[in-house]
């Protein structure tokens, strides 16, 4: 994946702060990230966000542990980049739940906006994804694997914002 364009992300973040819609001026630039594990998937999932279908995302606790990252918390912001590393939107996390893979519910699958939005599609596609990522990072997906189920809203730029 192409590294994020930090300069463009900082400019986008500064515009958001200056708008008065976000946190206080001077708040540090949040996490820069893309969806998925490659440019094509990053663009596809970002497209769902821009179309309004995707308002949730899932990761595994195991991913955070292996990478030494901190899971999101409600209220966090993050800048989402496309597959080329260009920042496109700023999201704000509205809810975070930890749930076993087998217990992810249909409402969450629908809010992720992927596939046909069913829980069956969600489980099939996420199993494939996490088996691929797990093979690279050294973890194994099971029904008891803990999913970080995150809901979010788009807060910037204004033409895509939910609020």
N, C-alpha and C. Protein backbone atom coordinates (compact mmCIF):
# COMPACT_ATOMS: atom_id res chain seq x y z
N UNK A 1 0.85 -1.17 0.00
CA UNK A 1 0.00 0.00 0.00
C UNK A 1 0.90 1.23 0.00
N UNK A 2 0.48 2.24 -0.75
CA UNK A 2 1.22 3.50 -0.81
C UNK A 2 1.12 4.22 0.54
N UNK A 3 2.24 4.72 1.05
CA UNK A 3 2.17 5.47 2.32
C UNK A 3 1.25 6.68 2.18
N UNK A 4 0.57 7.04 3.26
CA UNK A 4 -0.33 8.20 3.20
C UNK A 4 0.43 9.50 2.96
N UNK A 5 -0.20 10.41 2.27
CA UNK A 5 0.35 11.74 2.02
C UNK A 5 0.10 12.58 3.29
N UNK A 6 1.09 12.63 4.16
CA UNK A 6 0.94 13.30 5.46
C UNK A 6 0.72 14.81 5.31
N UNK A 7 1.37 15.40 4.33
CA UNK A 7 1.20 16.85 4.13
C UNK A 7 -0.24 17.18 3.73
N UNK A 8 -0.79 16.42 2.81
CA UNK A 8 -2.19 16.64 2.39
C UNK A 8 -3.15 16.33 3.53
N UNK A 9 -2.84 15.29 4.32
CA UNK A 9 -3.69 14.95 5.46
C UNK A 9 -3.67 16.07 6.49
N UNK A 10 -2.49 16.65 6.75
CA UNK A 10 -2.38 17.75 7.71
C UNK A 10 -3.18 18.96 7.22
N UNK A 11 -3.16 19.22 5.92
CA UNK A 11 -3.92 20.34 5.36
C UNK A 11 -5.43 20.08 5.51
N UNK A 12 -5.86 18.86 5.23
CA UNK A 12 -7.27 18.51 5.38
C UNK A 12 -7.70 18.65 6.84
N UNK A 13 -6.87 18.16 7.75
CA UNK A 13 -7.15 18.24 9.19
C UNK A 13 -7.25 19.71 9.64
N UNK A 14 -6.34 20.54 9.15
CA UNK A 14 -6.35 21.96 9.51
C UNK A 14 -7.63 22.64 9.02
N UNK A 15 -8.08 22.29 7.82
CA UNK A 15 -9.35 22.84 7.30
C UNK A 15 -10.52 22.42 8.20
N UNK A 16 -10.53 21.17 8.59
CA UNK A 16 -11.59 20.66 9.46
C UNK A 16 -11.58 21.39 10.80
N UNK A 17 -10.41 21.54 11.39
CA UNK A 17 -10.33 22.24 12.68
C UNK A 17 -10.78 23.70 12.53
N UNK A 18 -10.36 24.35 11.46
CA UNK A 18 -10.70 25.75 11.24
C UNK A 18 -12.20 25.96 10.99
N UNK A 19 -12.87 24.89 10.55
CA UNK A 19 -14.31 25.01 10.27
C UNK A 19 -15.15 25.16 11.53
N UNK A 20 -14.58 24.83 12.68
CA UNK A 20 -15.32 24.88 13.93
C UNK A 20 -16.22 23.69 14.16
N UNK A 21 -16.21 22.73 13.24
CA UNK A 21 -17.05 21.54 13.37
C UNK A 21 -16.38 20.44 14.18
N UNK A 22 -15.09 20.54 14.37
CA UNK A 22 -14.34 19.46 14.99
C UNK A 22 -13.77 19.83 16.33
N UNK A 23 -12.72 19.14 16.70
CA UNK A 23 -12.06 19.43 17.98
C UNK A 23 -11.41 20.82 17.97
N UNK A 24 -10.86 21.18 19.09
CA UNK A 24 -10.24 22.49 19.27
C UNK A 24 -9.06 22.67 18.32
N UNK A 25 -8.85 23.90 17.86
CA UNK A 25 -7.67 24.17 17.04
C UNK A 25 -6.41 23.70 17.77
N UNK A 26 -5.48 23.19 17.00
CA UNK A 26 -4.24 22.70 17.58
C UNK A 26 -4.27 21.22 17.95
N UNK A 27 -5.45 20.60 17.84
CA UNK A 27 -5.53 19.16 18.10
C UNK A 27 -4.64 18.44 17.10
N UNK A 28 -3.78 17.54 17.60
CA UNK A 28 -2.85 16.86 16.69
C UNK A 28 -3.54 16.03 15.61
N UNK A 29 -2.86 15.89 14.51
CA UNK A 29 -3.33 15.06 13.40
C UNK A 29 -3.59 13.64 13.91
N UNK A 30 -4.78 13.08 13.62
CA UNK A 30 -5.08 11.73 14.09
C UNK A 30 -4.44 10.67 13.19
N UNK A 31 -4.81 9.46 13.43
CA UNK A 31 -4.33 8.31 12.66
C UNK A 31 -4.67 8.50 11.19
N UNK A 32 -3.74 8.16 10.32
CA UNK A 32 -3.97 8.12 8.87
C UNK A 32 -4.01 6.66 8.49
N UNK A 33 -5.03 6.26 7.77
CA UNK A 33 -5.15 4.83 7.44
C UNK A 33 -5.99 4.68 6.19
N UNK A 34 -5.98 3.47 5.65
CA UNK A 34 -6.83 3.08 4.54
C UNK A 34 -7.58 1.83 4.96
N UNK A 35 -8.69 1.58 4.32
CA UNK A 35 -9.40 0.33 4.55
C UNK A 35 -8.69 -0.80 3.81
N UNK A 36 -8.82 -2.02 4.33
CA UNK A 36 -8.33 -3.20 3.62
C UNK A 36 -6.83 -3.37 3.68
N UNK A 37 -6.35 -4.22 2.78
CA UNK A 37 -4.93 -4.58 2.78
C UNK A 37 -4.27 -4.39 1.42
N UNK A 38 -4.86 -3.56 0.60
CA UNK A 38 -4.26 -3.27 -0.70
C UNK A 38 -5.00 -2.12 -1.36
N UNK A 39 -4.39 -1.52 -2.39
CA UNK A 39 -4.98 -0.35 -3.03
C UNK A 39 -6.38 -0.58 -3.59
N UNK A 40 -6.62 -1.71 -4.23
CA UNK A 40 -7.94 -1.94 -4.83
C UNK A 40 -9.02 -2.03 -3.76
N UNK A 41 -8.75 -2.77 -2.69
CA UNK A 41 -9.74 -2.90 -1.62
C UNK A 41 -9.92 -1.56 -0.89
N UNK A 42 -8.84 -0.83 -0.71
CA UNK A 42 -8.94 0.50 -0.07
C UNK A 42 -9.87 1.39 -0.87
N UNK A 43 -9.73 1.39 -2.19
CA UNK A 43 -10.57 2.23 -3.04
C UNK A 43 -12.03 1.74 -3.04
N UNK A 44 -12.20 0.44 -3.09
CA UNK A 44 -13.57 -0.12 -3.09
C UNK A 44 -14.32 0.26 -1.81
N UNK A 45 -13.67 0.07 -0.67
CA UNK A 45 -14.34 0.34 0.61
C UNK A 45 -14.53 1.84 0.83
N UNK A 46 -13.56 2.64 0.42
CA UNK A 46 -13.72 4.09 0.49
C UNK A 46 -14.90 4.51 -0.38
N UNK A 47 -15.05 3.90 -1.53
CA UNK A 47 -16.19 4.20 -2.40
C UNK A 47 -17.52 3.96 -1.71
N UNK A 48 -17.59 2.90 -0.91
CA UNK A 48 -18.82 2.62 -0.15
C UNK A 48 -19.07 3.69 0.91
N UNK A 49 -17.99 4.20 1.51
CA UNK A 49 -18.14 5.30 2.48
C UNK A 49 -18.67 6.53 1.76
N UNK A 50 -18.05 6.88 0.64
CA UNK A 50 -18.46 8.08 -0.09
C UNK A 50 -19.89 7.98 -0.61
N UNK A 51 -20.33 6.76 -0.92
CA UNK A 51 -21.70 6.54 -1.40
C UNK A 51 -22.72 6.51 -0.26
N UNK A 52 -22.23 6.48 0.98
CA UNK A 52 -23.12 6.47 2.13
C UNK A 52 -23.52 5.10 2.62
N UNK A 53 -23.04 4.04 1.99
CA UNK A 53 -23.43 2.68 2.38
C UNK A 53 -22.64 2.16 3.57
N UNK A 54 -21.41 2.56 3.72
CA UNK A 54 -20.52 2.02 4.75
C UNK A 54 -20.40 3.01 5.90
N UNK A 55 -20.86 2.59 7.07
CA UNK A 55 -20.73 3.41 8.26
C UNK A 55 -20.24 2.57 9.44
N UNK A 56 -19.54 1.50 9.12
CA UNK A 56 -18.93 0.65 10.15
C UNK A 56 -17.75 -0.08 9.53
N UNK A 57 -16.85 -0.51 10.38
CA UNK A 57 -15.71 -1.29 9.94
C UNK A 57 -15.30 -2.23 11.07
N UNK A 58 -14.59 -3.27 10.71
CA UNK A 58 -14.20 -4.27 11.69
C UNK A 58 -12.72 -4.58 11.56
N UNK A 59 -12.11 -4.81 12.69
CA UNK A 59 -10.73 -5.28 12.74
C UNK A 59 -10.67 -6.30 13.85
N UNK A 60 -9.56 -6.97 13.97
CA UNK A 60 -9.40 -7.97 15.03
C UNK A 60 -8.46 -7.44 16.10
N UNK A 61 -8.75 -7.77 17.33
CA UNK A 61 -7.85 -7.43 18.43
C UNK A 61 -6.46 -7.97 18.11
N UNK A 62 -6.40 -9.16 17.51
CA UNK A 62 -5.11 -9.78 17.17
C UNK A 62 -4.28 -8.88 16.25
N UNK A 63 -4.92 -8.19 15.33
CA UNK A 63 -4.20 -7.28 14.43
C UNK A 63 -3.53 -6.17 15.23
N UNK A 64 -4.28 -5.56 16.14
CA UNK A 64 -3.72 -4.48 16.96
C UNK A 64 -2.56 -4.99 17.81
N UNK A 65 -2.72 -6.18 18.37
CA UNK A 65 -1.66 -6.74 19.22
C UNK A 65 -0.39 -6.98 18.43
N UNK A 66 -0.52 -7.59 17.26
CA UNK A 66 0.66 -7.90 16.44
C UNK A 66 1.35 -6.63 15.97
N UNK A 67 0.56 -5.64 15.57
CA UNK A 67 1.12 -4.40 15.03
C UNK A 67 1.51 -3.39 16.10
N UNK A 68 1.12 -3.66 17.36
CA UNK A 68 1.44 -2.74 18.45
C UNK A 68 0.63 -1.46 18.39
N UNK A 69 -0.55 -1.53 17.77
CA UNK A 69 -1.42 -0.36 17.66
C UNK A 69 -2.48 -0.37 18.76
N UNK A 70 -3.10 0.77 18.96
CA UNK A 70 -4.16 0.91 19.95
C UNK A 70 -5.51 0.87 19.24
N UNK A 71 -6.44 0.04 19.71
CA UNK A 71 -7.77 0.02 19.10
C UNK A 71 -8.47 1.37 19.26
N UNK A 72 -9.40 1.67 18.37
CA UNK A 72 -10.11 2.94 18.44
C UNK A 72 -11.04 3.00 19.64
N UNK A 73 -11.40 4.24 20.00
CA UNK A 73 -12.39 4.49 21.04
C UNK A 73 -13.40 5.47 20.48
N UNK A 74 -14.61 5.44 21.03
CA UNK A 74 -15.63 6.40 20.61
C UNK A 74 -15.08 7.81 20.78
N UNK A 75 -15.31 8.64 19.78
CA UNK A 75 -14.83 10.02 19.79
C UNK A 75 -13.55 10.22 19.01
N UNK A 76 -12.81 9.13 18.74
CA UNK A 76 -11.57 9.24 17.95
C UNK A 76 -11.89 9.70 16.53
N UNK A 77 -10.95 10.39 15.94
CA UNK A 77 -11.01 10.76 14.54
C UNK A 77 -9.93 9.97 13.80
N UNK A 78 -10.14 9.77 12.50
CA UNK A 78 -9.09 9.23 11.65
C UNK A 78 -9.28 9.71 10.23
N UNK A 79 -8.17 9.88 9.56
CA UNK A 79 -8.17 10.34 8.18
C UNK A 79 -8.04 9.11 7.30
N UNK A 80 -9.00 8.93 6.41
CA UNK A 80 -8.99 7.77 5.53
C UNK A 80 -8.43 8.17 4.17
N UNK A 81 -7.45 7.38 3.75
CA UNK A 81 -6.79 7.61 2.46
C UNK A 81 -7.26 6.59 1.44
N UNK A 82 -7.16 6.94 0.19
CA UNK A 82 -7.47 5.99 -0.87
C UNK A 82 -6.26 5.09 -1.10
N UNK A 83 -6.36 4.22 -2.08
CA UNK A 83 -5.30 3.25 -2.35
C UNK A 83 -3.99 3.87 -2.78
N UNK A 84 -4.02 5.13 -3.21
CA UNK A 84 -2.81 5.84 -3.62
C UNK A 84 -2.22 6.67 -2.48
N UNK A 85 -2.86 6.61 -1.28
CA UNK A 85 -2.35 7.35 -0.12
C UNK A 85 -2.87 8.77 -0.01
N UNK A 86 -3.83 9.14 -0.86
CA UNK A 86 -4.40 10.49 -0.83
C UNK A 86 -5.51 10.55 0.21
N UNK A 87 -5.45 11.48 1.16
CA UNK A 87 -6.51 11.59 2.15
C UNK A 87 -7.81 12.05 1.48
N UNK A 88 -8.91 11.38 1.84
CA UNK A 88 -10.18 11.68 1.18
C UNK A 88 -11.28 12.12 2.14
N UNK A 89 -11.33 11.52 3.33
CA UNK A 89 -12.36 11.88 4.30
C UNK A 89 -11.79 11.77 5.72
N UNK A 90 -12.45 12.48 6.62
CA UNK A 90 -12.16 12.34 8.05
C UNK A 90 -13.38 11.70 8.68
N UNK A 91 -13.14 10.64 9.43
CA UNK A 91 -14.19 9.92 10.12
C UNK A 91 -14.07 10.16 11.62
N UNK A 92 -15.20 10.06 12.30
CA UNK A 92 -15.20 10.08 13.76
C UNK A 92 -15.89 8.82 14.23
N UNK A 93 -15.21 8.09 15.09
CA UNK A 93 -15.75 6.86 15.65
C UNK A 93 -16.88 7.21 16.61
N UNK A 94 -18.02 6.56 16.43
CA UNK A 94 -19.18 6.82 17.28
C UNK A 94 -19.45 5.70 18.27
N UNK A 95 -18.97 4.50 17.96
CA UNK A 95 -19.21 3.36 18.84
C UNK A 95 -18.14 2.30 18.58
N UNK A 96 -17.69 1.67 19.64
CA UNK A 96 -16.76 0.55 19.52
C UNK A 96 -17.25 -0.55 20.45
N UNK A 97 -17.42 -1.72 19.89
CA UNK A 97 -17.77 -2.90 20.69
C UNK A 97 -16.75 -3.99 20.38
N UNK A 98 -16.52 -4.82 21.35
CA UNK A 98 -15.69 -6.01 21.14
C UNK A 98 -16.62 -7.21 21.22
N UNK A 99 -16.60 -8.00 20.18
CA UNK A 99 -17.50 -9.14 20.07
C UNK A 99 -16.78 -10.29 19.38
N UNK A 100 -17.08 -11.50 19.76
CA UNK A 100 -16.46 -12.64 19.09
C UNK A 100 -16.91 -12.68 17.63
N UNK A 101 -16.05 -13.19 16.77
CA UNK A 101 -16.35 -13.29 15.34
C UNK A 101 -17.71 -13.95 15.13
N UNK A 102 -17.95 -15.05 15.82
CA UNK A 102 -19.20 -15.79 15.64
C UNK A 102 -20.43 -15.01 16.11
N UNK A 103 -20.24 -13.97 16.93
CA UNK A 103 -21.36 -13.23 17.50
C UNK A 103 -21.64 -11.88 16.83
N UNK A 104 -20.89 -11.55 15.79
CA UNK A 104 -21.19 -10.31 15.05
C UNK A 104 -22.61 -10.45 14.51
N UNK A 105 -23.40 -9.39 14.65
CA UNK A 105 -24.81 -9.49 14.28
C UNK A 105 -25.11 -8.90 12.91
N UNK A 106 -26.32 -9.17 12.44
CA UNK A 106 -26.75 -8.75 11.11
C UNK A 106 -26.79 -7.23 10.98
N UNK A 107 -27.15 -6.53 12.05
CA UNK A 107 -27.20 -5.06 11.98
C UNK A 107 -25.82 -4.48 11.72
N UNK A 108 -24.80 -5.05 12.37
CA UNK A 108 -23.45 -4.57 12.13
C UNK A 108 -23.01 -4.89 10.70
N UNK A 109 -23.29 -6.11 10.25
CA UNK A 109 -22.93 -6.49 8.88
C UNK A 109 -23.57 -5.53 7.87
N UNK A 110 -24.81 -5.17 8.10
CA UNK A 110 -25.50 -4.25 7.22
C UNK A 110 -24.81 -2.88 7.21
N UNK A 111 -24.46 -2.40 8.41
CA UNK A 111 -23.82 -1.08 8.51
C UNK A 111 -22.44 -1.04 7.87
N UNK A 112 -21.78 -2.20 7.76
CA UNK A 112 -20.48 -2.22 7.07
C UNK A 112 -20.65 -1.97 5.59
N UNK A 113 -21.84 -2.26 5.06
CA UNK A 113 -22.17 -1.89 3.69
C UNK A 113 -21.50 -2.71 2.60
N UNK A 114 -20.90 -3.84 2.94
CA UNK A 114 -20.15 -4.62 1.97
C UNK A 114 -20.96 -5.81 1.47
N UNK A 115 -20.56 -6.33 0.29
CA UNK A 115 -21.25 -7.49 -0.27
C UNK A 115 -22.74 -7.21 -0.42
N UNK A 116 -23.57 -8.19 -0.04
CA UNK A 116 -25.02 -7.98 -0.10
C UNK A 116 -25.55 -7.48 1.24
N UNK A 117 -24.63 -7.12 2.16
CA UNK A 117 -24.93 -6.56 3.47
C UNK A 117 -25.52 -7.57 4.45
N UNK A 118 -25.53 -8.84 4.09
CA UNK A 118 -26.06 -9.88 4.99
C UNK A 118 -24.97 -10.37 5.92
N UNK A 119 -25.36 -10.98 7.02
CA UNK A 119 -24.39 -11.54 7.96
C UNK A 119 -23.64 -12.70 7.32
N UNK A 120 -24.29 -13.45 6.45
CA UNK A 120 -23.61 -14.56 5.77
C UNK A 120 -22.49 -14.04 4.87
N UNK A 121 -22.80 -13.01 4.11
CA UNK A 121 -21.79 -12.39 3.25
C UNK A 121 -20.67 -11.80 4.09
N UNK A 122 -21.04 -11.13 5.19
CA UNK A 122 -20.04 -10.53 6.07
C UNK A 122 -19.08 -11.60 6.60
N UNK A 123 -19.63 -12.69 7.12
CA UNK A 123 -18.77 -13.74 7.68
C UNK A 123 -17.87 -14.36 6.61
N UNK A 124 -18.42 -14.66 5.45
CA UNK A 124 -17.64 -15.27 4.38
C UNK A 124 -16.50 -14.34 3.95
N UNK A 125 -16.81 -13.08 3.67
CA UNK A 125 -15.80 -12.15 3.16
C UNK A 125 -14.76 -11.79 4.23
N UNK A 126 -15.21 -11.61 5.46
CA UNK A 126 -14.26 -11.26 6.52
C UNK A 126 -13.40 -12.47 6.90
N UNK A 127 -13.95 -13.67 6.82
CA UNK A 127 -13.13 -14.86 7.07
C UNK A 127 -12.00 -14.91 6.05
N UNK A 128 -12.34 -14.72 4.77
CA UNK A 128 -11.30 -14.72 3.72
C UNK A 128 -10.24 -13.66 3.98
N UNK A 129 -10.72 -12.46 4.32
CA UNK A 129 -9.80 -11.36 4.56
C UNK A 129 -8.88 -11.67 5.73
N UNK A 130 -9.44 -12.07 6.88
CA UNK A 130 -8.62 -12.29 8.06
C UNK A 130 -7.77 -13.54 7.96
N UNK A 131 -8.16 -14.50 7.17
CA UNK A 131 -7.27 -15.65 6.93
C UNK A 131 -6.06 -15.19 6.13
N UNK A 132 -6.28 -14.32 5.15
CA UNK A 132 -5.18 -13.77 4.34
C UNK A 132 -4.26 -12.91 5.20
N UNK A 133 -4.83 -11.98 5.97
CA UNK A 133 -4.05 -11.09 6.82
C UNK A 133 -3.37 -11.88 7.93
N UNK A 134 -4.09 -12.83 8.52
CA UNK A 134 -3.51 -13.65 9.59
C UNK A 134 -2.31 -14.45 9.12
N UNK A 135 -2.35 -14.93 7.89
CA UNK A 135 -1.21 -15.67 7.35
C UNK A 135 0.02 -14.76 7.27
N UNK A 136 -0.19 -13.49 6.97
CA UNK A 136 0.92 -12.53 6.89
C UNK A 136 1.41 -12.10 8.27
N UNK A 137 0.47 -11.91 9.21
CA UNK A 137 0.83 -11.36 10.51
C UNK A 137 1.07 -12.42 11.59
N UNK A 138 0.67 -13.66 11.32
CA UNK A 138 0.95 -14.72 12.27
C UNK A 138 -0.14 -14.98 13.30
N UNK A 139 -1.40 -14.78 12.94
CA UNK A 139 -2.49 -15.17 13.83
C UNK A 139 -3.48 -16.01 13.04
N UNK A 140 -4.32 -16.75 13.77
CA UNK A 140 -5.31 -17.62 13.15
C UNK A 140 -6.70 -17.16 13.58
N UNK A 141 -7.58 -16.97 12.62
CA UNK A 141 -8.96 -16.59 12.89
C UNK A 141 -9.73 -17.80 13.38
N UNK A 142 -10.47 -17.63 14.47
CA UNK A 142 -11.40 -18.65 14.96
C UNK A 142 -12.74 -17.98 15.24
N UNK A 143 -13.72 -18.77 15.57
CA UNK A 143 -15.02 -18.22 15.94
C UNK A 143 -14.94 -17.38 17.20
N UNK A 144 -13.92 -17.64 18.03
CA UNK A 144 -13.74 -16.89 19.27
C UNK A 144 -12.83 -15.67 19.11
N UNK A 145 -12.28 -15.47 17.92
CA UNK A 145 -11.44 -14.28 17.71
C UNK A 145 -12.27 -13.04 18.01
N UNK A 146 -11.65 -12.07 18.68
CA UNK A 146 -12.37 -10.87 19.09
C UNK A 146 -12.28 -9.80 18.00
N UNK A 147 -13.46 -9.38 17.57
CA UNK A 147 -13.61 -8.35 16.54
C UNK A 147 -13.81 -7.00 17.23
N UNK A 148 -13.10 -6.00 16.75
CA UNK A 148 -13.35 -4.63 17.17
C UNK A 148 -14.36 -4.08 16.16
N UNK A 149 -15.61 -4.01 16.58
CA UNK A 149 -16.71 -3.57 15.72
C UNK A 149 -16.91 -2.07 15.93
N UNK A 150 -16.54 -1.31 14.92
CA UNK A 150 -16.50 0.15 15.02
C UNK A 150 -17.52 0.78 14.09
N UNK A 151 -18.34 1.65 14.64
CA UNK A 151 -19.24 2.46 13.82
C UNK A 151 -18.66 3.88 13.77
N UNK A 152 -18.93 4.56 12.67
CA UNK A 152 -18.37 5.90 12.50
C UNK A 152 -19.32 6.77 11.70
N UNK A 153 -18.99 8.06 11.69
CA UNK A 153 -19.68 9.00 10.82
C UNK A 153 -18.62 9.79 10.06
N UNK A 154 -18.99 10.25 8.89
CA UNK A 154 -18.10 11.09 8.09
C UNK A 154 -18.29 12.52 8.56
N UNK A 155 -17.19 13.19 8.93
CA UNK A 155 -17.28 14.55 9.43
C UNK A 155 -16.65 15.59 8.50
N UNK A 156 -15.84 15.15 7.54
CA UNK A 156 -15.17 16.08 6.64
C UNK A 156 -14.73 15.36 5.40
N UNK A 157 -14.77 15.97 4.24
CA UNK A 157 -15.16 17.32 3.88
C UNK A 157 -16.69 17.49 3.88
N UNK A 158 -17.15 18.73 3.87
CA UNK A 158 -18.59 18.99 3.99
C UNK A 158 -19.46 18.27 2.98
N UNK A 159 -18.97 18.10 1.76
CA UNK A 159 -19.80 17.46 0.73
C UNK A 159 -20.05 15.99 1.00
N UNK A 160 -19.29 15.40 1.91
CA UNK A 160 -19.49 13.99 2.27
C UNK A 160 -19.94 13.81 3.71
N UNK A 161 -19.95 14.89 4.47
CA UNK A 161 -20.20 14.78 5.91
C UNK A 161 -21.63 14.35 6.22
N UNK A 162 -21.74 13.52 7.26
CA UNK A 162 -23.04 13.07 7.74
C UNK A 162 -23.69 14.12 8.63
N UNK A 163 -22.90 15.03 9.15
CA UNK A 163 -23.42 16.02 10.11
C UNK A 163 -23.31 17.42 9.55
